[in-house]
Amino acid sequence: MKKWMRWEDWVAVGVGLVVALSTFVMPHVGASMAWMLTLGILLIASGVVNLAMPGLVATEYVQLALGILLAIAPWIGQYASGANMGPAWVSWIGGAVAAIVAAIAIRPAMHAHDRTLPH
């Protein structure tokens, strides 16, 4: 598996970028800015690490956990209800996409990790 070539990790970086930047164009509801900015930046970081080192299985699981956390963040940060649901929808959709692509990337990362180990 080549570095900087996995589409799953590029999608995670893109989702993190969209989530983080959307905090600057959407009105803030509850703790939406803190949750979305933090999780967006962490998704970008985990995606870049996965792109640079494609055999690290643990970071794929971290990316999966970040996607799940982003999807449930509207309830934790109390921005899942009210008149403005924009930040919640960005979190739900971004979290679902990040979790799905991370789940898809886990098996190839495991195979890449197994090939790098000496037998």
Protein backbone atom coordinates (compact mmCIF):
# COMPACT_ATOMS: atom_id res chain seq x y z
CA MET A 1 0.00 0.00 0.00
CA LYS A 2 1.51 3.32 -1.08
CA LYS A 3 1.73 6.44 1.04
CA TRP A 4 -0.60 9.35 0.22
CA MET A 5 -2.73 7.22 -2.14
CA ARG A 6 -5.63 5.87 -0.05
CA TRP A 7 -8.91 7.48 -1.00
CA GLU A 8 -10.49 6.59 2.36
CA ASP A 9 -8.02 8.75 4.23
CA TRP A 10 -8.38 11.63 1.77
CA VAL A 11 -12.13 11.51 2.37
CA ALA A 12 -11.54 11.65 6.14
CA VAL A 13 -9.26 14.67 5.69
CA GLY A 14 -11.91 16.33 3.51
CA VAL A 15 -14.67 15.63 6.03
CA GLY A 16 -12.53 17.04 8.83
CA LEU A 17 -11.82 20.15 6.78
CA VAL A 18 -15.50 20.69 5.96
CA VAL A 19 -16.57 20.17 9.57
CA ALA A 20 -13.88 22.47 10.98
CA LEU A 21 -14.44 25.24 8.42
CA SER A 22 -18.22 25.08 8.70
CA THR A 23 -17.93 26.43 12.24
CA PHE A 24 -16.88 29.76 10.74
CA VAL A 25 -19.82 30.10 8.35
CA MET A 26 -22.68 28.65 10.41
CA PRO A 27 -24.26 30.24 13.45
CA HIS A 28 -23.18 28.64 16.72
CA VAL A 29 -25.70 26.56 18.62
CA GLY A 30 -24.82 25.21 22.06
CA ALA A 31 -21.27 23.91 22.02
CA SER A 32 -21.28 23.26 18.28
CA MET A 33 -18.19 25.34 17.53
CA ALA A 34 -16.02 23.64 20.14
CA TRP A 35 -17.12 20.11 19.23
CA MET A 36 -16.99 20.56 15.47
CA LEU A 37 -13.72 22.46 15.40
CA THR A 38 -11.97 20.00 17.71
CA LEU A 39 -13.26 16.85 16.01
CA GLY A 40 -12.67 18.31 12.55
CA ILE A 41 -9.03 19.08 13.35
CA LEU A 42 -8.56 15.63 14.91
CA LEU A 43 -10.05 13.99 11.79
CA ILE A 44 -7.66 15.95 9.59
CA ALA A 45 -4.72 14.90 11.77
CA SER A 46 -5.72 11.23 11.85
CA GLY A 47 -6.26 11.23 8.08
CA VAL A 48 -2.82 12.73 7.45
CA VAL A 49 -1.19 10.19 9.78
CA ASN A 50 -3.03 7.37 7.98
CA LEU A 51 -1.94 8.76 4.61
CA ALA A 52 1.70 9.01 5.70
CA MET A 53 1.79 5.60 7.41
CA PRO A 54 -0.84 3.37 5.78
CA GLY A 55 -0.03 0.27 7.84
CA LEU A 56 -1.05 1.71 11.22
CA VAL A 57 -4.23 -0.11 12.13
CA ALA A 58 -4.66 1.70 15.44
CA THR A 59 -5.07 5.07 13.75
CA GLU A 60 -7.84 3.64 11.57
CA TYR A 61 -9.69 2.73 14.76
CA VAL A 62 -9.03 6.22 16.12
CA GLN A 63 -10.52 7.65 12.93
CA LEU A 64 -13.55 5.37 13.32
CA ALA A 65 -14.02 6.53 16.92
CA LEU A 66 -13.74 10.17 15.87
CA GLY A 67 -16.40 9.64 13.21
CA ILE A 68 -18.75 8.03 15.72
CA LEU A 69 -18.05 10.78 18.25
CA LEU A 70 -18.75 13.44 15.61
CA ALA A 71 -22.05 11.74 14.80
CA ILE A 72 -23.19 11.80 18.43
CA ALA A 73 -21.67 15.22 19.23
CA PRO A 74 -24.93 17.13 18.55
CA TRP A 75 -26.55 15.38 21.49
CA ILE A 76 -23.50 15.69 23.74
CA GLY A 77 -22.93 19.35 22.84
CA GLN A 78 -26.64 20.12 22.95
CA TYR A 79 -26.98 21.42 19.41
CA ALA A 80 -29.28 18.69 18.09
CA SER A 81 -32.48 20.63 18.68
CA GLY A 82 -33.74 24.13 18.14
CA ALA A 83 -34.45 26.37 15.22
CA ASN A 84 -31.00 26.06 13.62
CA MET A 85 -30.15 22.44 12.82
CA GLY A 86 -27.34 23.20 10.34
CA PRO A 87 -24.43 22.36 12.65
CA ALA A 88 -26.16 19.16 13.77
CA TRP A 89 -26.65 18.00 10.18
CA VAL A 90 -23.01 18.73 9.32
CA SER A 91 -21.95 16.67 12.35
CA TRP A 92 -24.31 13.78 11.61
CA ILE A 93 -23.42 13.51 7.93
CA GLY A 94 -19.70 14.16 8.44
CA GLY A 95 -19.54 11.67 11.31
CA ALA A 96 -21.33 8.99 9.32
CA VAL A 97 -19.08 9.46 6.28
CA ALA A 98 -15.92 9.47 8.43
CA ALA A 99 -16.99 6.34 10.31
CA ILE A 100 -17.93 4.48 7.12
CA VAL A 101 -14.68 5.22 5.28
CA ALA A 102 -12.66 4.34 8.39
CA ALA A 103 -14.49 1.02 8.67
CA ILE A 104 -13.78 0.34 4.99
CA ALA A 105 -10.08 1.18 5.49
CA ILE A 106 -9.48 -1.08 8.50
CA ARG A 107 -9.09 -4.37 6.61
CA PRO A 108 -6.64 -3.02 3.99
CA ALA A 109 -4.62 -1.41 6.80
CA MET A 110 -4.48 -4.78 8.57
CA HIS A 111 -3.20 -6.46 5.40
CA ALA A 112 -0.59 -3.72 4.88
CA HIS A 113 0.50 -4.07 8.50
CA ASP A 114 0.83 -7.86 8.14
CA ARG A 115 2.99 -7.49 5.03
CA THR A 116 5.40 -5.13 6.81
CA LEU A 117 6.03 -7.51 9.70
CA PRO A 118 8.96 -9.90 9.26
CA HIS A 119 7.94 -13.55 9.34
